[in-house]
C-alpha atoms as a PDB file:
ATOM      1  CA  MET A   1       9.158  45.229  15.666  1.00  0.00           C
ATOM      2  CA  ASN A   2       6.906  42.752  13.883  1.00  0.00           C
ATOM      3  CA  GLU A   3       6.648  42.473  10.122  1.00  0.00           C
ATOM      4  CA  LEU A   4       3.528  44.057   8.661  1.00  0.00           C
ATOM      5  CA  SER A   5       1.756  42.906   5.529  1.00  0.00           C
ATOM      6  CA  LEU A   6       2.390  45.413   2.738  1.00  0.00           C
ATOM      7  CA  SER A   7      -1.358  45.470   2.059  1.00  0.00           C
ATOM      8  CA  LYS A   8      -1.846  47.043   5.503  1.00  0.00           C
ATOM      9  CA  ALA A   9       0.944  49.651   5.334  1.00  0.00           C
ATOM     10  CA  TYR A  10      -1.421  52.420   4.192  1.00  0.00           C
ATOM     11  CA  ARG A  11      -3.257  52.240   7.518  1.00  0.00           C
ATOM     12  CA  PHE A  12      -0.413  54.137   9.139  1.00  0.00           C
ATOM     13  CA  LEU A  13      -0.349  56.901   6.525  1.00  0.00           C
ATOM     14  CA  GLU A  14      -4.060  57.673   6.345  1.00  0.00           C
ATOM     15  CA  PRO A  15      -4.010  61.219   4.976  1.00  0.00           C
ATOM     16  CA  GLY A  16      -7.015  62.831   6.543  1.00  0.00           C
ATOM     17  CA  PRO A  17     -10.672  62.458   7.370  1.00  0.00           C
ATOM     18  CA  VAL A  18     -13.036  60.197   5.517  1.00  0.00           C
ATOM     19  CA  VAL A  19     -14.904  62.330   2.981  1.00  0.00           C
ATOM     20  CA  LEU A  20     -17.892  62.056   0.705  1.00  0.00           C
ATOM     21  CA  MET A  21     -17.692  62.718  -3.021  1.00  0.00           C
ATOM     22  CA  THR A  22     -20.787  63.794  -4.913  1.00  0.00           C
ATOM     23  CA  THR A  23     -21.270  63.645  -8.664  1.00  0.00           C
ATOM     24  CA  ALA A  24     -24.067  64.543 -11.061  1.00  0.00           C
ATOM     25  CA  TYR A  25     -24.514  62.750 -14.366  1.00  0.00           C
ATOM     26  CA  LYS A  26     -27.406  62.104 -16.738  1.00  0.00           C
ATOM     27  CA  GLY A  27     -29.959  63.691 -14.425  1.00  0.00           C
ATOM     28  CA  SER A  28     -29.018  61.832 -11.245  1.00  0.00           C
ATOM     29  CA  THR A  29     -26.724  62.543  -8.332  1.00  0.00           C
ATOM     30  CA  ASN A  30     -24.572  60.182  -6.324  1.00  0.00           C
ATOM     31  CA  ILE A  31     -22.521  60.150  -3.143  1.00  0.00           C
ATOM     32  CA  MET A  32     -19.584  57.864  -2.454  1.00  0.00           C
ATOM     33  CA  THR A  33     -17.420  57.451   0.624  1.00  0.00           C
ATOM     34  CA  MET A  34     -13.729  58.023   0.040  1.00  0.00           C
ATOM     35  CA  SER A  35     -10.529  57.963   2.047  1.00  0.00           C
ATOM     36  CA  TYR A  36      -7.948  57.444  -0.713  1.00  0.00           C
ATOM     37  CA  TYR A  37      -6.981  61.026  -1.418  1.00  0.00           C
ATOM     38  CA  MET A  38      -4.148  63.438  -0.760  1.00  0.00           C
ATOM     39  CA  ILE A  39      -3.425  67.127  -0.823  1.00  0.00           C
ATOM     40  CA  ILE A  40      -1.063  67.792  -3.711  1.00  0.00           C
ATOM     41  CA  GLN A  41      -0.965  71.593  -3.520  1.00  0.00           C
ATOM     42  CA  ASP A  42      -2.655  73.646  -0.825  1.00  0.00           C
ATOM     43  CA  GLY A  43      -2.681  76.996  -2.623  1.00  0.00           C
ATOM     44  CA  SER A  44      -1.421  78.918   0.399  1.00  0.00           C
ATOM     45  CA  GLU A  45       2.116  79.726  -0.739  1.00  0.00           C
ATOM     46  CA  ASP A  46       1.772  81.653  -3.973  1.00  0.00           C
ATOM     47  CA  GLY A  47      -1.929  82.015  -4.618  1.00  0.00           C
ATOM     48  CA  SER A  48      -1.953  78.819  -6.659  1.00  0.00           C
ATOM     49  CA  VAL A  49      -5.091  76.728  -6.703  1.00  0.00           C
ATOM     50  CA  PRO A  50      -5.535  73.863  -4.252  1.00  0.00           C
ATOM     51  CA  LEU A  51      -5.093  70.445  -5.866  1.00  0.00           C
ATOM     52  CA  ILE A  52      -6.334  67.115  -4.500  1.00  0.00           C
ATOM     53  CA  GLY A  53      -5.357  63.714  -5.820  1.00  0.00           C
ATOM     54  CA  CYS A  54      -7.928  60.955  -5.366  1.00  0.00           C
ATOM     55  CA  SER A  55      -8.118  57.340  -6.358  1.00  0.00           C
ATOM     56  CA  ILE A  56     -11.465  56.076  -7.636  1.00  0.00           C
ATOM     57  CA  GLY A  57     -11.749  52.749  -9.382  1.00  0.00           C
ATOM     58  CA  PRO A  58     -13.809  51.939 -12.469  1.00  0.00           C
ATOM     59  CA  TRP A  59     -15.966  49.660 -10.303  1.00  0.00           C
ATOM     60  CA  ASP A  60     -17.292  52.755  -8.470  1.00  0.00           C
ATOM     61  CA  HIS A  61     -20.479  54.303  -9.844  1.00  0.00           C
ATOM     62  CA  SER A  62     -18.893  57.752  -9.411  1.00  0.00           C
ATOM     63  CA  PHE A  63     -15.953  56.851 -11.675  1.00  0.00           C
ATOM     64  CA  THR A  64     -18.105  57.024 -14.812  1.00  0.00           C
ATOM     65  CA  ALA A  65     -19.685  60.313 -13.760  1.00  0.00           C
ATOM     66  CA  LEU A  66     -16.340  61.915 -12.903  1.00  0.00           C
ATOM     67  CA  CYS A  67     -14.798  60.772 -16.192  1.00  0.00           C
ATOM     68  CA  ALA A  68     -17.768  62.065 -18.186  1.00  0.00           C
ATOM     69  CA  THR A  69     -18.310  65.422 -16.461  1.00  0.00           C
ATOM     70  CA  GLY A  70     -14.928  66.243 -14.946  1.00  0.00           C
ATOM     71  CA  GLU A  71     -16.683  67.636 -11.861  1.00  0.00           C
ATOM     72  CA  CYS A  72     -17.409  66.631  -8.280  1.00  0.00           C
ATOM     73  CA  VAL A  73     -17.787  67.941  -4.757  1.00  0.00           C
ATOM     74  CA  ILE A  74     -15.680  66.722  -1.840  1.00  0.00           C
ATOM     75  CA  ALA A  75     -17.816  67.031   1.295  1.00  0.00           C
ATOM     76  CA  VAL A  76     -16.324  66.673   4.787  1.00  0.00           C
ATOM     77  CA  PRO A  77     -18.657  64.914   7.234  1.00  0.00           C
ATOM     78  CA  THR A  78     -18.305  64.973  11.009  1.00  0.00           C
ATOM     79  CA  VAL A  79     -18.586  62.201  13.581  1.00  0.00           C
ATOM     80  CA  ASP A  80     -22.373  62.577  13.894  1.00  0.00           C
ATOM     81  CA  LEU A  81     -22.630  61.299  10.305  1.00  0.00           C
ATOM     82  CA  ALA A  82     -20.198  58.367  10.788  1.00  0.00           C
ATOM     83  CA  SER A  83     -22.801  55.618  10.525  1.00  0.00           C
ATOM     84  CA  LYS A  84     -24.280  57.122   7.362  1.00  0.00           C
ATOM     85  CA  VAL A  85     -20.798  57.556   5.875  1.00  0.00           C
ATOM     86  CA  VAL A  86     -20.098  53.833   6.331  1.00  0.00           C
ATOM     87  CA  GLU A  87     -23.531  52.846   4.991  1.00  0.00           C
ATOM     88  CA  ILE A  88     -23.025  55.071   1.922  1.00  0.00           C
ATOM     89  CA  GLY A  89     -19.795  53.193   1.277  1.00  0.00           C
ATOM     90  CA  ASN A  90     -21.581  49.849   1.500  1.00  0.00           C
ATOM     91  CA  CYS A  91     -23.985  50.388  -1.386  1.00  0.00           C
ATOM     92  CA  SER A  92     -23.818  51.458  -5.016  1.00  0.00           C
ATOM     93  CA  GLY A  93     -25.313  54.459  -6.737  1.00  0.00           C
ATOM     94  CA  ASP A  94     -26.304  51.984  -9.448  1.00  0.00           C
ATOM     95  CA  ASP A  95     -28.972  50.700  -7.050  1.00  0.00           C
ATOM     96  CA  VAL A  96     -29.653  53.447  -4.503  1.00  0.00           C
ATOM     97  CA  ASP A  97     -30.455  57.164  -4.502  1.00  0.00           C
ATOM     98  CA  LYS A  98     -28.113  57.836  -1.617  1.00  0.00           C
ATOM     99  CA  PHE A  99     -29.290  61.381  -0.848  1.00  0.00           C
ATOM    100  CA  ASP A 100     -32.807  60.018  -0.363  1.00  0.00           C
ATOM    101  CA  ALA A 101     -31.856  56.747   1.324  1.00  0.00           C
ATOM    102  CA  PHE A 102     -29.652  58.415   3.930  1.00  0.00           C
ATOM    103  CA  GLY A 103     -31.661  61.590   4.486  1.00  0.00           C
ATOM    104  CA  LEU A 104     -29.007  63.978   3.209  1.00  0.00           C
ATOM    105  CA  THR A 105     -29.778  67.324   1.609  1.00  0.00           C
ATOM    106  CA  PRO A 106     -28.326  68.195  -1.806  1.00  0.00           C
ATOM    107  CA  VAL A 107     -27.586  71.895  -2.220  1.00  0.00           C
ATOM    108  CA  SER A 108     -26.777  73.512  -5.559  1.00  0.00           C
ATOM    109  CA  ALA A 109     -23.121  74.339  -5.978  1.00  0.00           C
ATOM    110  CA  GLU A 110     -21.965  77.564  -7.596  1.00  0.00           C
ATOM    111  CA  LYS A 111     -19.326  76.395 -10.102  1.00  0.00           C
ATOM    112  CA  VAL A 112     -20.061  72.686 -10.692  1.00  0.00           C
ATOM    113  CA  LYS A 113     -23.212  70.640 -11.262  1.00  0.00           C
ATOM    114  CA  SER A 114     -22.452  68.162  -8.474  1.00  0.00           C
ATOM    115  CA  PRO A 115     -24.340  69.033  -5.279  1.00  0.00           C
ATOM    116  CA  LEU A 116     -22.991  70.153  -1.935  1.00  0.00           C
ATOM    117  CA  VAL A 117     -24.080  68.118   1.117  1.00  0.00           C
ATOM    118  CA  ALA A 118     -25.866  70.468   3.542  1.00  0.00           C
ATOM    119  CA  GLU A 119     -25.156  68.286   6.579  1.00  0.00           C
ATOM    120  CA  CYS A 120     -21.379  68.373   6.087  1.00  0.00           C
ATOM    121  CA  LEU A 121     -18.931  70.731   7.773  1.00  0.00           C
ATOM    122  CA  ALA A 122     -17.244  71.710   4.508  1.00  0.00           C
ATOM    123  CA  ASN A 123     -17.802  71.263   0.771  1.00  0.00           C
ATOM    124  CA  LEU A 124     -15.161  71.716  -1.929  1.00  0.00           C
ATOM    125  CA  GLU A 125     -16.323  72.181  -5.511  1.00  0.00           C
ATOM    126  CA  CYS A 126     -13.800  70.494  -7.804  1.00  0.00           C
ATOM    127  CA  ARG A 127     -12.958  70.045 -11.463  1.00  0.00           C
ATOM    128  CA  VAL A 128     -10.628  67.427 -12.886  1.00  0.00           C
ATOM    129  CA  SER A 129      -7.348  69.196 -13.599  1.00  0.00           C
ATOM    130  CA  ASP A 130      -5.357  66.192 -14.797  1.00  0.00           C
ATOM    131  CA  ASN A 131      -6.547  62.726 -15.739  1.00  0.00           C
ATOM    132  CA  SER A 132      -3.283  61.429 -17.204  1.00  0.00           C
ATOM    133  CA  LEU A 133      -2.835  58.952 -14.327  1.00  0.00           C
ATOM    134  CA  VAL A 134      -6.366  57.540 -14.402  1.00  0.00           C
ATOM    135  CA  ASP A 135      -5.690  54.675 -16.804  1.00  0.00           C
ATOM    136  CA  LYS A 136      -2.631  53.461 -14.907  1.00  0.00           C
ATOM    137  CA  TYR A 137      -3.475  54.303 -11.274  1.00  0.00           C
ATOM    138  CA  ASN A 138      -7.157  55.393 -11.163  1.00  0.00           C
ATOM    139  CA  LEU A 139      -5.738  58.698  -9.909  1.00  0.00           C
ATOM    140  CA  PHE A 140      -7.586  61.933 -10.642  1.00  0.00           C
ATOM    141  CA  ILE A 141      -6.057  65.338  -9.910  1.00  0.00           C
ATOM    142  CA  LEU A 142      -8.815  67.718  -8.824  1.00  0.00           C
ATOM    143  CA  GLU A 143      -8.640  71.504  -8.725  1.00  0.00           C
ATOM    144  CA  VAL A 144     -10.693  73.089  -5.960  1.00  0.00           C
ATOM    145  CA  VAL A 145     -12.657  75.918  -7.614  1.00  0.00           C
ATOM    146  CA  LYS A 146     -14.883  76.961  -4.701  1.00  0.00           C
ATOM    147  CA  ALA A 147     -14.907  76.066  -1.004  1.00  0.00           C
ATOM    148  CA  TRP A 148     -17.668  76.313   1.583  1.00  0.00           C
ATOM    149  CA  THR A 149     -17.906  75.762   5.325  1.00  0.00           C
ATOM    150  CA  ASP A 150     -20.720  75.983   7.842  1.00  0.00           C
ATOM    151  CA  PRO A 151     -19.522  78.199  10.723  1.00  0.00           C
ATOM    152  CA  GLU A 152     -22.754  77.505  12.640  1.00  0.00           C
ATOM    153  CA  ARG A 153     -22.118  73.772  12.770  1.00  0.00           C
ATOM    154  CA  LYS A 154     -21.394  72.797  16.360  1.00  0.00           C
ATOM    155  CA  GLU A 155     -19.978  69.331  15.640  1.00  0.00           C
ATOM    156  CA  ARG A 156     -16.555  69.705  14.038  1.00  0.00           C
ATOM    157  CA  ARG A 157     -14.837  66.406  14.850  1.00  0.00           C
ATOM    158  CA  MET A 158     -13.987  64.368  11.765  1.00  0.00           C
ATOM    159  CA  ILE A 159     -13.492  60.624  11.390  1.00  0.00           C
ATOM    160  CA  HIS A 160     -10.405  58.782  10.137  1.00  0.00           C
ATOM    161  CA  HIS A 161     -10.525  55.223   8.810  1.00  0.00           C
ATOM    162  CA  ASN A 162      -8.016  52.734  10.221  1.00  0.00           C
ATOM    163  CA  GLY A 163      -8.506  50.431   7.235  1.00  0.00           C
ATOM    164  CA  ASP A 164     -10.085  47.609   9.190  1.00  0.00           C
ATOM    165  CA  GLY A 165     -13.610  48.851   9.893  1.00  0.00           C
ATOM    166  CA  THR A 166     -12.560  50.939  12.869  1.00  0.00           C
ATOM    167  CA  PHE A 167     -12.281  54.709  12.962  1.00  0.00           C
ATOM    168  CA  VAL A 168     -10.513  57.364  14.990  1.00  0.00           C
ATOM    169  CA  VAL A 169     -12.413  60.504  15.910  1.00  0.00           C
ATOM    170  CA  ASP A 170     -10.597  63.848  16.037  1.00  0.00           C
ATOM    171  CA  GLY A 171      -9.726  64.669  19.605  1.00  0.00           C
ATOM    172  CA  ARG A 172      -8.057  67.388  21.583  1.00  0.00           C
ATOM    173  CA  THR A 173      -6.269  70.066  19.547  1.00  0.00           C
ATOM    174  CA  ILE A 174      -2.773  71.078  20.598  1.00  0.00           C
ATOM    175  CA  ASN A 175      -1.495  74.520  19.639  1.00  0.00           C
ATOM    176  CA  LEU A 176       2.135  74.618  18.467  1.00  0.00           C
ATOM    177  CA  LYS A 177       1.876  77.767  16.341  1.00  0.00           C
ATOM    178  CA  LYS A 178       4.763  79.449  18.146  1.00  0.00           C
ATOM    179  CA  LYS A 179       7.065  76.632  17.047  1.00  0.00           C
ATOM    180  CA  MET A 180       6.095  76.945  13.336  1.00  0.00           C
ATOM    181  CA  VAL A 181       8.885  79.420  12.633  1.00  0.00           C
ATOM    182  CA  LYS A 182       9.965  77.959   9.297  1.00  0.00           C
ATOM    183  CA  TRP A 183       6.448  77.939   7.780  1.00  0.00           C
ATOM    184  CA  PRO A 184       4.731  81.112   9.119  1.00  0.00           C
ATOM    185  CA  THR A 185       2.483  81.378   6.044  1.00  0.00           C
ATOM    186  CA  TYR A 186       0.471  78.430   7.364  1.00  0.00           C
ATOM    187  CA  LEU A 187      -0.553  80.294  10.511  1.00  0.00           C
END
């Protein structure tokens, strides 16, 4: 084994696909790229609501909007949008209308003012459930209040950031459902 810099440790624990977060504030919308998030509660066990923790810094344009409105949408892009996802992450909503610049389609959400992204595989409407960790860790706890998916979408492979400008694309799915005897509610 070789020693690894602590600043690179997260690369081996990447929680899931790179996502987009949309916000709406003072008459404008924004999209940011995000991969610092985690599932806190999935809502499958007891009918509880799904909770997502996400880290957004005050330097991000979306931080102000999320603090002010308490609402956002987490949109899940697929590999065909990978280049746009990276480009969205390389510019600021302070300077760019990202929906327009990247040819993405905002769609009205049902329970929040932030828009869905029509080109994405899934969209999760969220409200801030707990902001007590924002000052110390920039950590928002989001409650998913409505979820959408596009069953007609042919491309379903998601992208995962390695932390160094490279990405892994979802590959072959293996089915181990028969071995999930301790957690059958997840099947």
